[in-house]
C-alpha atoms as a PDB file:
ATOM      1  CA  MET A   1     -71.172  37.479  -6.489  1.00  0.00           C
ATOM      2  CA  PRO A   2     -73.138  34.765  -6.621  1.00  0.00           C
ATOM      3  CA  ALA A   3     -71.336  31.290  -7.034  1.00  0.00           C
ATOM      4  CA  SER A   4     -72.860  30.358 -10.433  1.00  0.00           C
ATOM      5  CA  SER A   5     -71.946  33.590 -12.089  1.00  0.00           C
ATOM      6  CA  ARG A   6     -68.298  34.136 -10.796  1.00  0.00           C
ATOM      7  CA  PRO A   7     -65.651  33.620 -13.086  1.00  0.00           C
ATOM      8  CA  LEU A   8     -63.147  30.850 -12.749  1.00  0.00           C
ATOM      9  CA  ASP A   9     -59.753  31.797 -12.249  1.00  0.00           C
ATOM     10  CA  HIS A  10     -56.651  30.173 -14.027  1.00  0.00           C
ATOM     11  CA  GLY A  11     -55.986  27.642 -11.719  1.00  0.00           C
ATOM     12  CA  GLU A  12     -59.942  26.456 -12.041  1.00  0.00           C
ATOM     13  CA  GLN A  13     -59.845  26.658 -15.816  1.00  0.00           C
ATOM     14  CA  SER A  14     -57.082  24.708 -15.991  1.00  0.00           C
ATOM     15  CA  GLY A  15     -57.808  22.111 -13.454  1.00  0.00           C
ATOM     16  CA  GLU A  16     -55.044  22.893 -11.343  1.00  0.00           C
ATOM     17  CA  ARG A  17     -55.343  23.860  -7.748  1.00  0.00           C
ATOM     18  CA  PRO A  18     -54.402  27.516  -6.490  1.00  0.00           C
ATOM     19  CA  ALA A  19     -51.215  27.546  -4.936  1.00  0.00           C
ATOM     20  CA  ASP A  20     -52.420  27.926  -1.291  1.00  0.00           C
ATOM     21  CA  GLY A  21     -55.427  25.426  -1.726  1.00  0.00           C
ATOM     22  CA  PRO A  22     -55.337  21.799  -0.939  1.00  0.00           C
ATOM     23  CA  PRO A  23     -54.480  19.083  -3.479  1.00  0.00           C
ATOM     24  CA  PRO A  24     -57.074  17.632  -5.797  1.00  0.00           C
ATOM     25  CA  ARG A  25     -58.446  14.217  -4.503  1.00  0.00           C
ATOM     26  CA  GLY A  26     -56.464  11.447  -5.591  1.00  0.00           C
ATOM     27  CA  ARG A  27     -53.344  13.245  -6.420  1.00  0.00           C
ATOM     28  CA  GLU A  28     -50.405  13.166  -4.165  1.00  0.00           C
ATOM     29  CA  PRO A  29     -47.899  15.936  -4.018  1.00  0.00           C
ATOM     30  CA  ALA A  30     -44.713  15.308  -5.990  1.00  0.00           C
ATOM     31  CA  ARG A  31     -41.506  13.923  -3.529  1.00  0.00           C
ATOM     32  CA  ARG A  32     -38.275  15.832  -4.290  1.00  0.00           C
ATOM     33  CA  ARG A  33     -35.342  13.810  -4.826  1.00  0.00           C
ATOM     34  CA  PRO A  34     -32.470  14.626  -2.781  1.00  0.00           C
ATOM     35  CA  THR A  35     -29.771  16.812  -4.301  1.00  0.00           C
ATOM     36  CA  LEU A  36     -26.886  14.802  -4.959  1.00  0.00           C
ATOM     37  CA  SER A  37     -23.382  15.642  -3.826  1.00  0.00           C
ATOM     38  CA  LYS A  38     -20.325  13.686  -3.162  1.00  0.00           C
ATOM     39  CA  GLY A  39     -20.676  14.702   0.418  1.00  0.00           C
ATOM     40  CA  VAL A  40     -24.444  13.583   0.538  1.00  0.00           C
ATOM     41  CA  VAL A  41     -23.397  10.242  -1.075  1.00  0.00           C
ATOM     42  CA  LEU A  42     -20.901   9.387   1.527  1.00  0.00           C
ATOM     43  CA  GLU A  43     -22.842  10.701   4.552  1.00  0.00           C
ATOM     44  CA  ALA A  44     -25.611   8.068   3.362  1.00  0.00           C
ATOM     45  CA  ALA A  45     -23.060   5.379   2.543  1.00  0.00           C
ATOM     46  CA  ILE A  46     -21.633   5.506   6.396  1.00  0.00           C
ATOM     47  CA  ASP A  47     -25.114   5.735   7.821  1.00  0.00           C
ATOM     48  CA  HIS A  48     -26.040   2.587   5.749  1.00  0.00           C
ATOM     49  CA  VAL A  49     -23.209   0.723   7.063  1.00  0.00           C
ATOM     50  CA  ASP A  50     -23.899   1.720  10.607  1.00  0.00           C
ATOM     51  CA  ARG A  51     -27.343   0.306  10.173  1.00  0.00           C
ATOM     52  CA  PHE A  52     -26.793  -2.590   8.135  1.00  0.00           C
ATOM     53  CA  GLY A  53     -23.262  -3.604   8.156  1.00  0.00           C
ATOM     54  CA  LEU A  54     -20.612  -3.381   5.453  1.00  0.00           C
ATOM     55  CA  ALA A  55     -22.064  -6.787   3.762  1.00  0.00           C
ATOM     56  CA  GLY A  56     -25.347  -4.784   3.324  1.00  0.00           C
ATOM     57  CA  LEU A  57     -23.398  -1.914   1.320  1.00  0.00           C
ATOM     58  CA  SER A  58     -23.973  -2.013  -2.463  1.00  0.00           C
ATOM     59  CA  MET A  59     -24.519   0.717  -4.875  1.00  0.00           C
ATOM     60  CA  ARG A  60     -27.760  -0.514  -5.561  1.00  0.00           C
ATOM     61  CA  LYS A  61     -28.993  -0.764  -1.990  1.00  0.00           C
ATOM     62  CA  LEU A  62     -27.236   2.627  -1.458  1.00  0.00           C
ATOM     63  CA  GLY A  63     -28.663   4.391  -4.502  1.00  0.00           C
ATOM     64  CA  ALA A  64     -32.257   2.994  -3.149  1.00  0.00           C
ATOM     65  CA  SER A  65     -31.862   4.774   0.091  1.00  0.00           C
ATOM     66  CA  LEU A  66     -31.328   8.160  -1.927  1.00  0.00           C
ATOM     67  CA  GLU A  67     -34.203   7.365  -3.998  1.00  0.00           C
ATOM     68  CA  VAL A  68     -32.257   7.184  -7.225  1.00  0.00           C
ATOM     69  CA  GLU A  69     -30.599   4.661  -9.335  1.00  0.00           C
ATOM     70  CA  GLY A  70     -27.697   3.088  -8.239  1.00  0.00           C
ATOM     71  CA  MET A  71     -25.779   3.957 -11.399  1.00  0.00           C
ATOM     72  CA  ALA A  72     -26.354   7.599 -10.512  1.00  0.00           C
ATOM     73  CA  LEU A  73     -23.844   7.100  -7.764  1.00  0.00           C
ATOM     74  CA  TYR A  74     -21.005   6.364 -10.204  1.00  0.00           C
ATOM     75  CA  ARG A  75     -21.013  10.184 -10.879  1.00  0.00           C
ATOM     76  CA  TYR A  76     -19.626  10.744  -7.568  1.00  0.00           C
ATOM     77  CA  VAL A  77     -17.614   7.615  -6.903  1.00  0.00           C
ATOM     78  CA  HIS A  78     -16.371   4.947  -9.450  1.00  0.00           C
ATOM     79  CA  SER A  79     -16.598   2.014  -7.981  1.00  0.00           C
ATOM     80  CA  ARG A  80     -17.570   0.432  -4.352  1.00  0.00           C
ATOM     81  CA  ASP A  81     -14.037   0.098  -3.375  1.00  0.00           C
ATOM     82  CA  GLU A  82     -13.481   3.702  -3.838  1.00  0.00           C
ATOM     83  CA  LEU A  83     -16.363   4.413  -1.783  1.00  0.00           C
ATOM     84  CA  LEU A  84     -14.775   2.432   1.040  1.00  0.00           C
ATOM     85  CA  ASP A  85     -11.642   4.565   0.959  1.00  0.00           C
ATOM     86  CA  ALA A  86     -13.677   8.020   0.631  1.00  0.00           C
ATOM     87  CA  MET A  87     -15.820   6.970   3.786  1.00  0.00           C
ATOM     88  CA  VAL A  88     -12.483   6.342   5.808  1.00  0.00           C
ATOM     89  CA  ASP A  89     -11.370   9.713   4.560  1.00  0.00           C
ATOM     90  CA  ARG A  90     -14.628  11.239   5.345  1.00  0.00           C
ATOM     91  CA  LEU A  91     -14.560  10.153   9.038  1.00  0.00           C
ATOM     92  CA  MET A  92     -10.808  11.006   9.281  1.00  0.00           C
ATOM     93  CA  ASP A  93     -11.499  14.342   8.198  1.00  0.00           C
ATOM     94  CA  ARG A  94     -14.135  14.684  10.668  1.00  0.00           C
ATOM     95  CA  LEU A  95     -11.843  13.532  13.337  1.00  0.00           C
ATOM     96  CA  TYR A  96      -9.301  16.026  12.477  1.00  0.00           C
ATOM     97  CA  ALA A  97     -11.818  18.761  12.835  1.00  0.00           C
ATOM     98  CA  ASP A  98     -12.928  17.840  16.240  1.00  0.00           C
ATOM     99  CA  PRO A  99     -12.361  20.370  18.551  1.00  0.00           C
ATOM    100  CA  ASP A 100     -11.908  18.063  21.206  1.00  0.00           C
ATOM    101  CA  VAL A 101      -9.021  16.429  19.832  1.00  0.00           C
ATOM    102  CA  LEU A 102      -7.226  19.257  18.081  1.00  0.00           C
ATOM    103  CA  LEU A 103      -3.808  20.515  19.775  1.00  0.00           C
ATOM    104  CA  ARG A 104      -3.993  23.177  22.224  1.00  0.00           C
ATOM    105  CA  PRO A 105      -1.349  25.638  22.715  1.00  0.00           C
ATOM    106  CA  GLU A 106      -1.253  24.712  26.731  1.00  0.00           C
ATOM    107  CA  ASP A 107      -1.443  20.930  26.007  1.00  0.00           C
ATOM    108  CA  ASP A 108       1.649  18.618  26.824  1.00  0.00           C
ATOM    109  CA  TRP A 109       2.443  15.912  24.686  1.00  0.00           C
ATOM    110  CA  GLN A 110       0.696  13.238  26.835  1.00  0.00           C
ATOM    111  CA  GLN A 111      -2.732  15.491  26.874  1.00  0.00           C
ATOM    112  CA  PHE A 112      -2.215  15.704  23.167  1.00  0.00           C
ATOM    113  CA  LEU A 113      -1.895  12.164  22.808  1.00  0.00           C
ATOM    114  CA  ARG A 114      -4.843  11.244  25.247  1.00  0.00           C
ATOM    115  CA  ARG A 115      -7.356  13.507  23.382  1.00  0.00           C
ATOM    116  CA  VAL A 116      -6.136  11.855  20.115  1.00  0.00           C
ATOM    117  CA  ALA A 117      -6.566   8.586  21.491  1.00  0.00           C
ATOM    118  CA  ALA A 118     -10.210   9.656  23.126  1.00  0.00           C
ATOM    119  CA  GLY A 119     -11.241  10.667  19.670  1.00  0.00           C
ATOM    120  CA  VAL A 120     -10.272   7.802  17.820  1.00  0.00           C
ATOM    121  CA  ARG A 121     -11.826   5.501  20.392  1.00  0.00           C
ATOM    122  CA  ARG A 122     -14.900   7.652  19.973  1.00  0.00           C
ATOM    123  CA  LEU A 123     -15.014   7.357  16.384  1.00  0.00           C
ATOM    124  CA  ALA A 124     -14.842   3.464  16.671  1.00  0.00           C
ATOM    125  CA  LEU A 125     -17.505   3.109  19.090  1.00  0.00           C
ATOM    126  CA  GLU A 126     -20.005   5.430  17.149  1.00  0.00           C
ATOM    127  CA  HIS A 127     -18.967   3.457  13.955  1.00  0.00           C
ATOM    128  CA  PRO A 128     -18.350   0.168  15.017  1.00  0.00           C
ATOM    129  CA  GLN A 129     -18.958  -1.323  11.756  1.00  0.00           C
ATOM    130  CA  ILE A 130     -16.796   1.000   9.890  1.00  0.00           C
ATOM    131  CA  PHE A 131     -13.673   1.016  12.010  1.00  0.00           C
ATOM    132  CA  PRO A 132     -12.214  -2.010  10.870  1.00  0.00           C
ATOM    133  CA  LEU A 133     -11.843  -0.331   7.741  1.00  0.00           C
ATOM    134  CA  VAL A 134     -10.116   2.597   9.266  1.00  0.00           C
ATOM    135  CA  ALA A 135      -7.557   0.375  10.349  1.00  0.00           C
ATOM    136  CA  THR A 136      -7.553  -1.535   7.311  1.00  0.00           C
ATOM    137  CA  ARG A 137      -7.885   0.321   4.175  1.00  0.00           C
ATOM    138  CA  HIS A 138      -5.332   1.394   1.758  1.00  0.00           C
ATOM    139  CA  ARG A 139      -3.054   3.909   2.811  1.00  0.00           C
ATOM    140  CA  ALA A 140      -2.140   7.233   1.032  1.00  0.00           C
ATOM    141  CA  ALA A 141       1.610   5.576   1.026  1.00  0.00           C
ATOM    142  CA  SER A 142       2.863   2.216   1.964  1.00  0.00           C
ATOM    143  CA  TRP A 143       4.619   3.569   5.015  1.00  0.00           C
ATOM    144  CA  ILE A 144       1.404   5.096   6.759  1.00  0.00           C
ATOM    145  CA  ARG A 145       0.116   3.219   9.882  1.00  0.00           C
ATOM    146  CA  PRO A 146      -3.408   3.470  10.423  1.00  0.00           C
ATOM    147  CA  PRO A 147      -5.658   4.604  11.960  1.00  0.00           C
ATOM    148  CA  LEU A 148      -3.760   8.071  11.423  1.00  0.00           C
ATOM    149  CA  ARG A 149      -3.910   7.077   7.672  1.00  0.00           C
ATOM    150  CA  SER A 150      -3.916  10.693   6.153  1.00  0.00           C
ATOM    151  CA  LEU A 151      -0.913  12.740   5.123  1.00  0.00           C
ATOM    152  CA  ARG A 152      -2.234  15.520   7.063  1.00  0.00           C
ATOM    153  CA  TRP A 153      -2.976  13.540  10.342  1.00  0.00           C
ATOM    154  CA  ILE A 154       0.846  12.305  10.235  1.00  0.00           C
ATOM    155  CA  GLU A 155       2.096  15.675   9.522  1.00  0.00           C
ATOM    156  CA  GLY A 156       0.147  17.445  12.519  1.00  0.00           C
ATOM    157  CA  PHE A 157       0.696  14.364  14.749  1.00  0.00           C
ATOM    158  CA  LEU A 158       4.736  14.387  14.399  1.00  0.00           C
ATOM    159  CA  SER A 159       5.038  18.215  14.284  1.00  0.00           C
ATOM    160  CA  ALA A 160       3.149  18.330  17.710  1.00  0.00           C
ATOM    161  CA  LEU A 161       5.781  15.778  19.329  1.00  0.00           C
ATOM    162  CA  LEU A 162       8.737  17.697  17.888  1.00  0.00           C
ATOM    163  CA  ASP A 163       7.590  20.944  19.150  1.00  0.00           C
ATOM    164  CA  ARG A 164       7.175  19.506  22.552  1.00  0.00           C
ATOM    165  CA  GLY A 165      10.567  18.229  22.631  1.00  0.00           C
ATOM    166  CA  PHE A 166      10.733  14.946  20.941  1.00  0.00           C
ATOM    167  CA  SER A 167      13.599  13.867  18.843  1.00  0.00           C
ATOM    168  CA  GLU A 168      13.143  13.056  15.029  1.00  0.00           C
ATOM    169  CA  GLU A 169      13.680   9.391  16.028  1.00  0.00           C
ATOM    170  CA  ALA A 170      11.478   9.576  19.132  1.00  0.00           C
ATOM    171  CA  ALA A 171       8.711  11.121  17.453  1.00  0.00           C
ATOM    172  CA  VAL A 172       8.634   8.223  14.804  1.00  0.00           C
ATOM    173  CA  TYR A 173       9.220   5.625  17.333  1.00  0.00           C
ATOM    174  CA  ALA A 174       6.006   7.173  19.318  1.00  0.00           C
ATOM    175  CA  TYR A 175       3.737   7.613  16.304  1.00  0.00           C
ATOM    176  CA  ARG A 176       4.248   3.579  15.365  1.00  0.00           C
ATOM    177  CA  ALA A 177       3.848   2.572  19.124  1.00  0.00           C
ATOM    178  CA  PHE A 178       0.717   4.741  19.642  1.00  0.00           C
ATOM    179  CA  GLY A 179      -0.857   3.542  16.439  1.00  0.00           C
ATOM    180  CA  SER A 180      -0.317   0.079  17.025  1.00  0.00           C
ATOM    181  CA  PHE A 181      -1.920   0.275  20.533  1.00  0.00           C
ATOM    182  CA  LEU A 182      -5.036   2.264  19.174  1.00  0.00           C
ATOM    183  CA  VAL A 183      -5.470  -0.598  16.279  1.00  0.00           C
ATOM    184  CA  GLY A 184      -4.841  -3.544  18.528  1.00  0.00           C
ATOM    185  CA  HIS A 185      -7.160  -2.346  21.402  1.00  0.00           C
ATOM    186  CA  LEU A 186      -9.998  -0.605  19.413  1.00  0.00           C
ATOM    187  CA  LEU A 187     -10.240  -3.504  17.009  1.00  0.00           C
ATOM    188  CA  LEU A 188     -10.683  -6.109  19.976  1.00  0.00           C
ATOM    189  CA  GLU A 189     -13.382  -3.554  21.459  1.00  0.00           C
ATOM    190  CA  VAL A 190     -15.272  -3.472  18.447  1.00  0.00           C
ATOM    191  CA  SER A 191     -15.355  -7.175  17.879  1.00  0.00           C
ATOM    192  CA  ALA A 192     -16.451  -7.606  21.535  1.00  0.00           C
ATOM    193  CA  ASP A 193     -19.472  -5.592  20.101  1.00  0.00           C
ATOM    194  CA  GLY A 194     -20.001  -8.469  17.645  1.00  0.00           C
ATOM    195  CA  VAL A 195     -18.352  -6.838  14.725  1.00  0.00           C
ATOM    196  CA  ASP A 196     -16.135  -9.227  12.868  1.00  0.00           C
ATOM    197  CA  PRO A 197     -13.016  -7.061  12.034  1.00  0.00           C
ATOM    198  CA  LEU A 198     -11.704  -9.861   9.316  1.00  0.00           C
ATOM    199  CA  THR A 199     -15.087 -10.004   7.425  1.00  0.00           C
ATOM    200  CA  ALA A 200     -15.359  -6.321   7.545  1.00  0.00           C
ATOM    201  CA  ALA A 201     -11.993  -5.488   6.614  1.00  0.00           C
ATOM    202  CA  VAL A 202     -12.214  -7.522   3.205  1.00  0.00           C
ATOM    203  CA  ASP A 203     -14.013  -6.275   0.558  1.00  0.00           C
ATOM    204  CA  PRO A 204     -15.442  -9.282  -1.423  1.00  0.00           C
ATOM    205  CA  GLY A 205     -16.133  -6.932  -4.798  1.00  0.00           C
ATOM    206  CA  ALA A 206     -12.890  -5.455  -5.078  1.00  0.00           C
ATOM    207  CA  ARG A 207     -10.286  -6.301  -7.423  1.00  0.00           C
ATOM    208  CA  ALA A 208      -6.604  -6.191  -7.308  1.00  0.00           C
ATOM    209  CA  PRO A 209      -5.157  -3.181  -8.463  1.00  0.00           C
ATOM    210  CA  SER A 210      -3.563  -3.452 -12.192  1.00  0.00           C
ATOM    211  CA  ALA A 211      -0.383  -1.164 -11.275  1.00  0.00           C
ATOM    212  CA  PRO A 212       1.123  -0.091  -8.176  1.00  0.00           C
ATOM    213  CA  ALA A 213      -0.469   3.059  -6.545  1.00  0.00           C
ATOM    214  CA  PRO A 214       1.556   6.270  -7.666  1.00  0.00           C
ATOM    215  CA  SER A 215       3.634   7.701  -4.674  1.00  0.00           C
ATOM    216  CA  PRO A 216       1.842  10.649  -3.244  1.00  0.00           C
ATOM    217  CA  ASP A 217       2.939  14.313  -3.492  1.00  0.00           C
ATOM    218  CA  LEU A 218       4.506  15.476   0.080  1.00  0.00           C
ATOM    219  CA  GLY A 219       5.098  19.008  -1.177  1.00  0.00           C
ATOM    220  CA  ASP A 220       2.534  20.324   1.602  1.00  0.00           C
ATOM    221  CA  PHE A 221       4.004  18.041   4.174  1.00  0.00           C
ATOM    222  CA  PRO A 222       7.243  19.318   5.367  1.00  0.00           C
ATOM    223  CA  THR A 223       7.811  17.066   8.374  1.00  0.00           C
ATOM    224  CA  LEU A 224       6.909  13.935   6.513  1.00  0.00           C
ATOM    225  CA  THR A 225       9.320  14.766   3.641  1.00  0.00           C
ATOM    226  CA  ARG A 226      12.058  15.055   5.950  1.00  0.00           C
ATOM    227  CA  LEU A 227      11.331  11.878   8.044  1.00  0.00           C
ATOM    228  CA  ALA A 228       9.750   9.417   5.162  1.00  0.00           C
ATOM    229  CA  ASP A 229      12.954   7.146   5.119  1.00  0.00           C
ATOM    230  CA  ARG A 230      12.454   6.814   8.906  1.00  0.00           C
ATOM    231  CA  LEU A 231       8.800   6.233   8.827  1.00  0.00           C
ATOM    232  CA  ALA A 232       9.451   3.589   5.812  1.00  0.00           C
ATOM    233  CA  VAL A 233       9.266   0.052   7.969  1.00  0.00           C
ATOM    234  CA  ALA A 234      11.883  -2.191   6.229  1.00  0.00           C
ATOM    235  CA  ASP A 235      11.373  -4.944   8.721  1.00  0.00           C
ATOM    236  CA  LEU A 236       7.957  -5.410  10.678  1.00  0.00           C
ATOM    237  CA  GLY A 237       9.628  -8.160  12.664  1.00  0.00           C
ATOM    238  CA  GLU A 238      12.361  -5.785  14.440  1.00  0.00           C
ATOM    239  CA  GLU A 239       9.328  -3.538  15.307  1.00  0.00           C
ATOM    240  CA  PHE A 240       7.470  -6.253  16.936  1.00  0.00           C
ATOM    241  CA  GLU A 241      10.350  -7.409  18.769  1.00  0.00           C
ATOM    242  CA  HIS A 242      10.897  -3.901  19.964  1.00  0.00           C
ATOM    243  CA  SER A 243       7.194  -3.646  21.185  1.00  0.00           C
ATOM    244  CA  LEU A 244       7.307  -6.870  22.832  1.00  0.00           C
ATOM    245  CA  GLY A 245      10.632  -5.828  24.544  1.00  0.00           C
ATOM    246  CA  ASN A 246       8.372  -2.532  26.023  1.00  0.00           C
ATOM    247  CA  LEU A 247       5.567  -4.624  27.036  1.00  0.00           C
ATOM    248  CA  LEU A 248       7.649  -7.114  29.008  1.00  0.00           C
ATOM    249  CA  GLU A 249       9.306  -4.500  30.660  1.00  0.00           C
ATOM    250  CA  ARG A 250       6.190  -2.865  31.722  1.00  0.00           C
ATOM    251  CA  LEU A 251       4.988  -6.327  32.975  1.00  0.00           C
ATOM    252  CA  GLN A 252       8.190  -6.520  35.035  1.00  0.00           C
ATOM    253  CA  GLU A 253       7.487  -3.183  36.891  1.00  0.00           C
ATOM    254  CA  ALA A 254       4.007  -4.059  37.352  1.00  0.00           C
ATOM    255  CA  ARG A 255       5.066  -7.481  38.715  1.00  0.00           C
ATOM    256  CA  GLU A 256       7.327  -5.687  41.397  1.00  0.00           C
ATOM    257  CA  ARG A 257       5.197  -3.063  42.420  1.00  0.00           C
ATOM    258  CA  LEU A 258       2.108  -5.222  42.642  1.00  0.00           C
ATOM    259  CA  SER A 259       3.962  -8.232  44.216  1.00  0.00           C
END
C-alpha cells in the first residue's frame, strides 16, 4: 500500500510513538523513581556516609540521592537520630548473618572469638566512617557493651561460650574484655585512616531524650535474662583496674620471655 494512502495507526493518530519505536525528537523517556522502603533508605544512608562522612548526612541530601524530597524519608525513619541507630542495627544484622562469622559446630571458643573479631574488624575497615557509631550509639539496654550492641548478638555470644565450658562468671568477663579490646583497637585503627571518632560519634542534630528509654523485653533471650544482673556494670573503675591488671601481667610475661 502506498504511504500516502496507508491509514494511520492509533499511536500515530494520537501523536504517540508505537511501543517498539524510538521516542519522538525532543522528548526524553520518563525516569522511574526508586521504590522506597526502609531497607532502601538504610542502604542509601550507609553508602552516603561511606562516601561523604557523617557530617555530610542529612535527610535533605539523602532524599536527593534517592531522587525524592527529604520529607518523604520520614515515613521510614522519624528523625536523623533514629536513622543513625537503624544504620548501626543494619550493619550488625549483616554481620550476624555473615557465614564467615557464625559459630560452627567444630569451632572451639578461641576459633569462635577469632571469627567474630575478624568479622567486626572487617566491618570497621569497610565502613570506617560509620564504625564509631557502632561503638558509641545508644544501646538496647544500658548494660550492653558495644560493638555487640544487639540483644541477639549478646545472647549468641554468651551461649557459645557457655556451651564450650565457660562458667557464667567467666563468660560475662570474656564478653566485657573482648568488647573493650575490639572497640579500643578498631577505633584507633579507623582513626589512623583519617576518621575522627569523636566527631563521628557526636550527632549535632540530636536532642537529649525527654524520658529514659524503656527497659528491653528479654523474653526471647534466656541467657541474657539469667545473666542480666551480672552484665550490669556498677563500677566501671573496678572493671578498668581488672583490665589494667591483666594487661600488666601480660607485659610481665612478655618482658621475661623476650629478655
